[in-house]
Amino acid sequence: MKFNYLDVMANRLYSDLSKYYDYVISRDDYQGEAQFWIELIENKCATTQPKFLELASGPGHLLSYISPYVEAFVIDLSPDMLTKCKQFNPNVNAIQGDITQFSLQQDFDFILLHDSIGHLFNVDDIKATFENAYQHLRCGGIFALSPEFDGDSFNKPIVDHRITSLPESDLTVIDYIERHPIHENRLNILTSYYEKDQGVTQIEFDRMELGIFSVEFYKKIMEDVGFNVELYTKPENSSTECRTAIVGTRLS
């Protein structure tokens, strides 16, 4: 049996397949790097309860480790993800919106764009998001990125899978990740879900495209926007393939 992956509906994990999200990407996946971010926030922010904004937060898994130490705000385009985020972080200020053009009329001490940076594959959108973050920071505020992949080191396709137990069934998830055949700075991700319940297996397919750029590319755009940029190395058991955190400070 053959099929064109383009016939598969895209980004279902953020809509009708969002019930699988916590089994595909779990809170535990972020435990290994949570302390890194907590210490970075404490070291970079002068206040004891800094105002913290996460862009494209998804369900707020990483934020659930950070939120006890900050006054937390999140922006995400998906209502389903924001609902999940509120479940993990009851006190978070959740805002539905586009990270390339939000306007909150307030300043923050620390803004984080974690692996969701991959959802931006248009250079103009990336720059607009960085400029928007800059405008929402106080002087001395921090904007940090943590890309899933480094474009300079992604050389061959990746196959990833996990098997987990749902409350009433078993779920197997398989990801096939490759460079886009046409667009150099994009990844194709085709995901298949096999849910087995009482001997019957239901199969669902999902796909998404992610942007993939080098750490140096992101660093240069941040510098062009006006940030003073430093590179940090996250722990080995971090949630992302790329362990480089790109940290920019607004100086004026």
C-alpha atoms as a PDB file:
ATOM      1  CA  MET A   1       0.000   0.000   0.000  1.00  0.00           C
ATOM      2  CA  LYS A   2       1.366   3.412  -0.979  1.00  0.00           C
ATOM      3  CA  PHE A   3       0.151   6.877  -0.078  1.00  0.00           C
ATOM      4  CA  ASN A   4       1.366  10.434  -0.474  1.00  0.00           C
ATOM      5  CA  TYR A   5       2.240  11.847   2.929  1.00  0.00           C
ATOM      6  CA  LEU A   6       0.938  15.236   1.743  1.00  0.00           C
ATOM      7  CA  ASP A   7      -2.534  13.706   1.796  1.00  0.00           C
ATOM      8  CA  VAL A   8      -2.224  13.369   5.582  1.00  0.00           C
ATOM      9  CA  MET A   9      -3.856  16.187   7.530  1.00  0.00           C
ATOM     10  CA  ALA A  10      -1.199  18.320   9.233  1.00  0.00           C
ATOM     11  CA  ASN A  11      -0.718  19.285  12.911  1.00  0.00           C
ATOM     12  CA  ARG A  12      -3.407  16.988  14.279  1.00  0.00           C
ATOM     13  CA  LEU A  13      -1.460  16.616  17.544  1.00  0.00           C
ATOM     14  CA  TYR A  14      -2.549  20.170  18.380  1.00  0.00           C
ATOM     15  CA  SER A  15      -6.210  19.578  17.549  1.00  0.00           C
ATOM     16  CA  ASP A  16      -8.153  16.314  17.218  1.00  0.00           C
ATOM     17  CA  LEU A  17      -5.212  14.128  18.342  1.00  0.00           C
ATOM     18  CA  SER A  18      -4.295  16.328  21.313  1.00  0.00           C
ATOM     19  CA  LYS A  19      -5.477  13.498  23.598  1.00  0.00           C
ATOM     20  CA  TYR A  20      -2.178  11.786  22.724  1.00  0.00           C
ATOM     21  CA  TYR A  21       0.046  14.758  23.460  1.00  0.00           C
ATOM     22  CA  ASP A  22       0.974  13.890  27.042  1.00  0.00           C
ATOM     23  CA  TYR A  23       1.942  10.381  25.933  1.00  0.00           C
ATOM     24  CA  VAL A  24       4.004  11.584  22.966  1.00  0.00           C
ATOM     25  CA  ILE A  25       5.766  14.393  24.832  1.00  0.00           C
ATOM     26  CA  SER A  26       5.504  14.014  28.580  1.00  0.00           C
ATOM     27  CA  ARG A  27       6.294  16.281  31.507  1.00  0.00           C
ATOM     28  CA  ASP A  28       9.064  13.881  32.516  1.00  0.00           C
ATOM     29  CA  ASP A  29      10.892  14.614  29.235  1.00  0.00           C
ATOM     30  CA  TYR A  30      11.738  18.069  30.591  1.00  0.00           C
ATOM     31  CA  GLN A  31      12.837  17.070  34.074  1.00  0.00           C
ATOM     32  CA  GLY A  32      16.489  16.723  33.070  1.00  0.00           C
ATOM     33  CA  GLU A  33      16.811  20.348  31.977  1.00  0.00           C
ATOM     34  CA  ALA A  34      14.353  22.016  34.358  1.00  0.00           C
ATOM     35  CA  GLN A  35      17.013  22.901  36.933  1.00  0.00           C
ATOM     36  CA  PHE A  36      19.144  24.456  34.186  1.00  0.00           C
ATOM     37  CA  TRP A  37      16.376  26.925  33.367  1.00  0.00           C
ATOM     38  CA  ILE A  38      15.518  27.617  37.014  1.00  0.00           C
ATOM     39  CA  GLU A  39      19.152  28.474  37.780  1.00  0.00           C
ATOM     40  CA  LEU A  40      19.504  30.577  34.611  1.00  0.00           C
ATOM     41  CA  ILE A  41      16.424  32.603  35.538  1.00  0.00           C
ATOM     42  CA  GLU A  42      17.675  33.074  39.101  1.00  0.00           C
ATOM     43  CA  ASN A  43      21.135  34.126  37.913  1.00  0.00           C
ATOM     44  CA  LYS A  44      19.888  36.527  35.231  1.00  0.00           C
ATOM     45  CA  CYS A  45      16.936  38.139  36.998  1.00  0.00           C
ATOM     46  CA  ALA A  46      17.411  40.552  39.884  1.00  0.00           C
ATOM     47  CA  THR A  47      13.912  40.135  41.335  1.00  0.00           C
ATOM     48  CA  THR A  48      12.771  37.227  43.495  1.00  0.00           C
ATOM     49  CA  GLN A  49       9.559  36.644  41.504  1.00  0.00           C
ATOM     50  CA  PRO A  50      10.459  37.646  37.928  1.00  0.00           C
ATOM     51  CA  LYS A  51       7.792  38.110  35.276  1.00  0.00           C
ATOM     52  CA  PHE A  52       8.260  35.166  32.927  1.00  0.00           C
ATOM     53  CA  LEU A  53       6.676  34.723  29.499  1.00  0.00           C
ATOM     54  CA  GLU A  54       6.855  31.504  27.491  1.00  0.00           C
ATOM     55  CA  LEU A  55       6.090  31.800  23.780  1.00  0.00           C
ATOM     56  CA  ALA A  56       4.272  28.901  22.077  1.00  0.00           C
ATOM     57  CA  SER A  57       4.183  27.079  25.395  1.00  0.00           C
ATOM     58  CA  GLY A  58       2.174  24.057  24.292  1.00  0.00           C
ATOM     59  CA  PRO A  59       0.822  22.213  27.362  1.00  0.00           C
ATOM     60  CA  GLY A  60       3.317  23.870  29.719  1.00  0.00           C
ATOM     61  CA  HIS A  61       5.330  20.793  30.665  1.00  0.00           C
ATOM     62  CA  LEU A  62       8.603  22.671  31.192  1.00  0.00           C
ATOM     63  CA  LEU A  63       6.774  25.606  32.726  1.00  0.00           C
ATOM     64  CA  SER A  64       5.340  23.328  35.424  1.00  0.00           C
ATOM     65  CA  TYR A  65       8.852  23.026  36.858  1.00  0.00           C
ATOM     66  CA  ILE A  66       9.593  26.757  36.518  1.00  0.00           C
ATOM     67  CA  SER A  67       6.266  28.295  37.570  1.00  0.00           C
ATOM     68  CA  PRO A  68       6.812  28.082  41.375  1.00  0.00           C
ATOM     69  CA  TYR A  69       9.707  30.533  40.955  1.00  0.00           C
ATOM     70  CA  VAL A  70       8.125  33.102  38.616  1.00  0.00           C
ATOM     71  CA  GLU A  71       5.004  35.080  37.774  1.00  0.00           C
ATOM     72  CA  ALA A  72       4.108  33.061  34.699  1.00  0.00           C
ATOM     73  CA  PHE A  73       2.499  34.094  31.413  1.00  0.00           C
ATOM     74  CA  VAL A  74       2.132  32.012  28.248  1.00  0.00           C
ATOM     75  CA  ILE A  75       1.060  32.597  24.660  1.00  0.00           C
ATOM     76  CA  ASP A  76      -0.034  29.824  22.330  1.00  0.00           C
ATOM     77  CA  LEU A  77      -2.111  29.668  19.166  1.00  0.00           C
ATOM     78  CA  SER A  78      -3.916  26.456  20.153  1.00  0.00           C
ATOM     79  CA  PRO A  79      -6.865  26.619  22.578  1.00  0.00           C
ATOM     80  CA  ASP A  80      -6.404  22.891  23.317  1.00  0.00           C
ATOM     81  CA  MET A  81      -2.773  23.471  24.333  1.00  0.00           C
ATOM     82  CA  LEU A  82      -3.714  26.413  26.540  1.00  0.00           C
ATOM     83  CA  THR A  83      -6.343  24.282  28.281  1.00  0.00           C
ATOM     84  CA  LYS A  84      -3.702  21.647  29.011  1.00  0.00           C
ATOM     85  CA  CYS A  85      -1.286  24.337  30.151  1.00  0.00           C
ATOM     86  CA  LYS A  86      -3.807  25.603  32.703  1.00  0.00           C
ATOM     87  CA  GLN A  87      -4.213  22.064  33.997  1.00  0.00           C
ATOM     88  CA  PHE A  88      -0.467  21.752  34.625  1.00  0.00           C
ATOM     89  CA  ASN A  89      -0.103  25.386  35.753  1.00  0.00           C
ATOM     90  CA  PRO A  90      -3.313  26.605  37.408  1.00  0.00           C
ATOM     91  CA  ASN A  91      -1.915  30.061  38.207  1.00  0.00           C
ATOM     92  CA  VAL A  92      -0.545  30.841  34.752  1.00  0.00           C
ATOM     93  CA  ASN A  93      -1.828  33.813  32.771  1.00  0.00           C
ATOM     94  CA  ALA A  94      -2.755  32.084  29.490  1.00  0.00           C
ATOM     95  CA  ILE A  95      -3.186  34.106  26.303  1.00  0.00           C
ATOM     96  CA  GLN A  96      -4.252  32.823  22.899  1.00  0.00           C
ATOM     97  CA  GLY A  97      -2.262  34.521  20.179  1.00  0.00           C
ATOM     98  CA  ASP A  98       0.351  34.534  17.459  1.00  0.00           C
ATOM     99  CA  ILE A  99       3.907  34.872  18.784  1.00  0.00           C
ATOM    100  CA  THR A 100       4.973  36.826  15.688  1.00  0.00           C
ATOM    101  CA  GLN A 101       2.614  39.724  16.426  1.00  0.00           C
ATOM    102  CA  PHE A 102       1.472  39.748  20.048  1.00  0.00           C
ATOM    103  CA  SER A 103       1.151  42.972  22.062  1.00  0.00           C
ATOM    104  CA  LEU A 104       0.690  42.626  25.826  1.00  0.00           C
ATOM    105  CA  GLN A 105       1.376  46.240  26.883  1.00  0.00           C
ATOM    106  CA  GLN A 106       3.756  45.123  29.642  1.00  0.00           C
ATOM    107  CA  ASP A 107       7.418  44.274  30.164  1.00  0.00           C
ATOM    108  CA  PHE A 108       8.958  40.980  31.258  1.00  0.00           C
ATOM    109  CA  ASP A 109      12.167  39.918  32.962  1.00  0.00           C
ATOM    110  CA  PHE A 110      12.576  36.660  31.048  1.00  0.00           C
ATOM    111  CA  ILE A 111      11.021  35.397  27.799  1.00  0.00           C
ATOM    112  CA  LEU A 112      11.536  31.789  26.700  1.00  0.00           C
ATOM    113  CA  LEU A 113      10.936  30.271  23.282  1.00  0.00           C
ATOM    114  CA  HIS A 114      11.825  26.615  23.717  1.00  0.00           C
ATOM    115  CA  ASP A 115      11.669  23.939  21.011  1.00  0.00           C
ATOM    116  CA  SER A 116       8.552  25.580  19.533  1.00  0.00           C
ATOM    117  CA  ILE A 117      10.959  27.835  17.639  1.00  0.00           C
ATOM    118  CA  GLY A 118      10.769  25.014  15.072  1.00  0.00           C
ATOM    119  CA  HIS A 119       7.240  26.091  14.172  1.00  0.00           C
ATOM    120  CA  LEU A 120       8.741  29.212  12.608  1.00  0.00           C
ATOM    121  CA  PHE A 121      10.317  28.388   9.251  1.00  0.00           C
ATOM    122  CA  ASN A 122       9.912  31.766   7.563  1.00  0.00           C
ATOM    123  CA  VAL A 123      12.872  34.087   8.195  1.00  0.00           C
ATOM    124  CA  ASP A 124      10.606  37.149   8.380  1.00  0.00           C
ATOM    125  CA  ASP A 125       8.467  35.449  11.059  1.00  0.00           C
ATOM    126  CA  ILE A 126      11.555  34.521  13.067  1.00  0.00           C
ATOM    127  CA  LYS A 127      12.830  38.078  12.984  1.00  0.00           C
ATOM    128  CA  ALA A 128       9.389  39.487  13.834  1.00  0.00           C
ATOM    129  CA  THR A 129       9.146  37.172  16.852  1.00  0.00           C
ATOM    130  CA  PHE A 130      12.616  38.158  18.086  1.00  0.00           C
ATOM    131  CA  GLU A 131      11.792  41.857  17.645  1.00  0.00           C
ATOM    132  CA  ASN A 132       8.514  41.366  19.485  1.00  0.00           C
ATOM    133  CA  ALA A 133      10.304  39.653  22.354  1.00  0.00           C
ATOM    134  CA  TYR A 134      12.810  42.527  22.507  1.00  0.00           C
ATOM    135  CA  GLN A 135      10.003  45.073  22.755  1.00  0.00           C
ATOM    136  CA  HIS A 136       8.401  43.143  25.632  1.00  0.00           C
ATOM    137  CA  LEU A 137      11.555  43.006  27.783  1.00  0.00           C
ATOM    138  CA  ARG A 138      12.685  45.534  30.362  1.00  0.00           C
ATOM    139  CA  CYS A 139      16.258  46.807  30.059  1.00  0.00           C
ATOM    140  CA  GLY A 140      18.474  43.906  31.147  1.00  0.00           C
ATOM    141  CA  GLY A 141      15.734  41.380  30.386  1.00  0.00           C
ATOM    142  CA  ILE A 142      16.478  37.986  28.868  1.00  0.00           C
ATOM    143  CA  PHE A 143      15.223  36.248  25.727  1.00  0.00           C
ATOM    144  CA  ALA A 144      16.222  32.581  25.466  1.00  0.00           C
ATOM    145  CA  LEU A 145      15.869  30.010  22.671  1.00  0.00           C
ATOM    146  CA  SER A 146      16.260  26.254  22.812  1.00  0.00           C
ATOM    147  CA  PRO A 147      15.910  24.740  19.311  1.00  0.00           C
ATOM    148  CA  GLU A 148      15.068  21.055  18.920  1.00  0.00           C
ATOM    149  CA  PHE A 149      17.717  20.544  16.227  1.00  0.00           C
ATOM    150  CA  ASP A 150      20.822  22.338  15.004  1.00  0.00           C
ATOM    151  CA  GLY A 151      20.684  22.692  11.225  1.00  0.00           C
ATOM    152  CA  ASP A 152      24.452  22.270  10.958  1.00  0.00           C
ATOM    153  CA  SER A 153      24.396  18.810  12.532  1.00  0.00           C
ATOM    154  CA  PHE A 154      21.181  17.264  11.135  1.00  0.00           C
ATOM    155  CA  ASN A 155      22.618  15.037   8.406  1.00  0.00           C
ATOM    156  CA  LYS A 156      20.367  11.985   8.052  1.00  0.00           C
ATOM    157  CA  PRO A 157      16.779  10.914   8.793  1.00  0.00           C
ATOM    158  CA  ILE A 158      15.762   9.962  12.322  1.00  0.00           C
ATOM    159  CA  VAL A 159      13.288   7.268  13.341  1.00  0.00           C
ATOM    160  CA  ASP A 160      11.975   7.571  16.887  1.00  0.00           C
ATOM    161  CA  HIS A 161       9.362   5.549  18.715  1.00  0.00           C
ATOM    162  CA  ARG A 162       7.843   5.086  22.115  1.00  0.00           C
ATOM    163  CA  ILE A 163       5.386   2.604  23.600  1.00  0.00           C
ATOM    164  CA  THR A 164       3.192   3.612  26.491  1.00  0.00           C
ATOM    165  CA  SER A 165       0.046   2.572  28.306  1.00  0.00           C
ATOM    166  CA  LEU A 166      -3.069   4.702  28.171  1.00  0.00           C
ATOM    167  CA  PRO A 167      -5.781   4.296  30.817  1.00  0.00           C
ATOM    168  CA  GLU A 168      -7.657   1.683  28.766  1.00  0.00           C
ATOM    169  CA  SER A 169      -5.338   0.806  25.853  1.00  0.00           C
ATOM    170  CA  ASP A 170      -1.739   0.651  24.633  1.00  0.00           C
ATOM    171  CA  LEU A 171      -0.217   3.262  22.355  1.00  0.00           C
ATOM    172  CA  THR A 172       2.760   2.988  20.012  1.00  0.00           C
ATOM    173  CA  VAL A 173       4.030   6.187  18.368  1.00  0.00           C
ATOM    174  CA  ILE A 174       6.531   6.215  15.501  1.00  0.00           C
ATOM    175  CA  ASP A 175       8.124   9.395  14.117  1.00  0.00           C
ATOM    176  CA  TYR A 176      10.018   9.571  10.836  1.00  0.00           C
ATOM    177  CA  ILE A 177      11.978  12.837  10.572  1.00  0.00           C
ATOM    178  CA  GLU A 178      13.798  13.950   7.421  1.00  0.00           C
ATOM    179  CA  ARG A 179      14.910  17.091   5.632  1.00  0.00           C
ATOM    180  CA  HIS A 180      12.319  18.547   3.308  1.00  0.00           C
ATOM    181  CA  PRO A 181      13.087  17.518  -0.298  1.00  0.00           C
ATOM    182  CA  ILE A 182      12.604  21.073  -1.584  1.00  0.00           C
ATOM    183  CA  HIS A 183      12.995  23.533   1.294  1.00  0.00           C
ATOM    184  CA  GLU A 184      16.476  23.326   2.802  1.00  0.00           C
ATOM    185  CA  ASN A 185      15.482  24.866   6.112  1.00  0.00           C
ATOM    186  CA  ARG A 186      12.503  22.635   6.840  1.00  0.00           C
ATOM    187  CA  LEU A 187      11.973  19.183   8.295  1.00  0.00           C
ATOM    188  CA  ASN A 188       9.214  16.741   7.402  1.00  0.00           C
ATOM    189  CA  ILE A 189       7.856  14.759  10.336  1.00  0.00           C
ATOM    190  CA  LEU A 190       5.454  11.902   9.654  1.00  0.00           C
ATOM    191  CA  THR A 191       3.924  10.346  12.770  1.00  0.00           C
ATOM    192  CA  SER A 192       1.850   7.187  13.062  1.00  0.00           C
ATOM    193  CA  TYR A 193      -0.176   6.273  16.149  1.00  0.00           C
ATOM    194  CA  TYR A 194      -1.163   2.663  16.856  1.00  0.00           C
ATOM    195  CA  GLU A 195      -3.698   2.399  19.664  1.00  0.00           C
ATOM    196  CA  LYS A 196      -4.553  -1.168  20.658  1.00  0.00           C
ATOM    197  CA  ASP A 197      -7.705  -1.776  22.673  1.00  0.00           C
ATOM    198  CA  GLN A 198      -9.044  -5.287  23.366  1.00  0.00           C
ATOM    199  CA  GLY A 199      -7.173  -6.768  20.415  1.00  0.00           C
ATOM    200  CA  VAL A 200      -8.249  -4.099  17.917  1.00  0.00           C
ATOM    201  CA  THR A 201      -5.630  -1.625  16.651  1.00  0.00           C
ATOM    202  CA  GLN A 202      -6.684   1.818  15.455  1.00  0.00           C
ATOM    203  CA  ILE A 203      -4.151   3.681  13.305  1.00  0.00           C
ATOM    204  CA  GLU A 204      -3.942   7.456  12.919  1.00  0.00           C
ATOM    205  CA  PHE A 205      -1.467   9.529  10.891  1.00  0.00           C
ATOM    206  CA  ASP A 206      -0.217  13.030  11.445  1.00  0.00           C
ATOM    207  CA  ARG A 207       2.426  15.199   9.830  1.00  0.00           C
ATOM    208  CA  MET A 208       4.064  18.524  10.435  1.00  0.00           C
ATOM    209  CA  GLU A 209       6.792  20.697   9.026  1.00  0.00           C
ATOM    210  CA  LEU A 210       9.351  22.317  11.275  1.00  0.00           C
ATOM    211  CA  GLY A 211      11.951  24.945  10.556  1.00  0.00           C
ATOM    212  CA  ILE A 212      15.556  23.908  10.990  1.00  0.00           C
ATOM    213  CA  PHE A 213      18.300  26.508  11.146  1.00  0.00           C
ATOM    214  CA  SER A 214      21.750  26.571  12.642  1.00  0.00           C
ATOM    215  CA  VAL A 215      22.469  27.924  16.108  1.00  0.00           C
ATOM    216  CA  GLU A 216      24.647  30.568  14.461  1.00  0.00           C
ATOM    217  CA  PHE A 217      21.723  31.650  12.252  1.00  0.00           C
ATOM    218  CA  TYR A 218      19.469  32.253  15.266  1.00  0.00           C
ATOM    219  CA  LYS A 219      22.324  33.945  17.127  1.00  0.00           C
ATOM    220  CA  LYS A 220      22.949  36.396  14.283  1.00  0.00           C
ATOM    221  CA  ILE A 221      19.286  37.388  13.991  1.00  0.00           C
ATOM    222  CA  MET A 222      19.139  37.981  17.741  1.00  0.00           C
ATOM    223  CA  GLU A 223      22.242  40.168  17.511  1.00  0.00           C
ATOM    224  CA  ASP A 224      20.773  42.065  14.548  1.00  0.00           C
ATOM    225  CA  VAL A 225      17.661  42.788  16.622  1.00  0.00           C
ATOM    226  CA  GLY A 226      19.857  44.247  19.386  1.00  0.00           C
ATOM    227  CA  PHE A 227      20.504  41.431  21.866  1.00  0.00           C
ATOM    228  CA  ASN A 228      23.860  40.688  23.443  1.00  0.00           C
ATOM    229  CA  VAL A 229      24.004  36.907  22.920  1.00  0.00           C
ATOM    230  CA  GLU A 230      25.636  34.113  24.917  1.00  0.00           C
ATOM    231  CA  LEU A 231      25.554  30.352  24.273  1.00  0.00           C
ATOM    232  CA  TYR A 232      24.972  27.876  27.089  1.00  0.00           C
ATOM    233  CA  THR A 233      25.121  24.078  27.092  1.00  0.00           C
ATOM    234  CA  LYS A 234      22.136  22.250  28.564  1.00  0.00           C
ATOM    235  CA  PRO A 235      22.469  18.926  30.441  1.00  0.00           C
ATOM    236  CA  GLU A 236      22.902  15.666  28.534  1.00  0.00           C
ATOM    237  CA  ASN A 237      19.435  14.441  29.499  1.00  0.00           C
ATOM    238  CA  SER A 238      17.669  17.467  27.988  1.00  0.00           C
ATOM    239  CA  SER A 239      14.502  17.139  25.943  1.00  0.00           C
ATOM    240  CA  THR A 240      16.038  18.423  22.706  1.00  0.00           C
ATOM    241  CA  GLU A 241      18.569  16.897  20.297  1.00  0.00           C
ATOM    242  CA  CYS A 242      20.399  20.242  20.273  1.00  0.00           C
ATOM    243  CA  ARG A 243      21.766  21.040  23.726  1.00  0.00           C
ATOM    244  CA  THR A 244      22.645  24.678  22.987  1.00  0.00           C
ATOM    245  CA  ALA A 245      20.584  27.385  24.662  1.00  0.00           C
ATOM    246  CA  ILE A 246      20.831  30.770  22.933  1.00  0.00           C
ATOM    247  CA  VAL A 247      20.474  33.521  25.513  1.00  0.00           C
ATOM    248  CA  GLY A 248      20.107  37.194  24.617  1.00  0.00           C
ATOM    249  CA  THR A 249      20.124  40.207  26.910  1.00  0.00           C
ATOM    250  CA  ARG A 250      18.405  43.491  26.097  1.00  0.00           C
ATOM    251  CA  LEU A 251      20.980  46.142  26.965  1.00  0.00           C
ATOM    252  CA  SER A 252      18.940  49.308  26.431  1.00  0.00           C
END
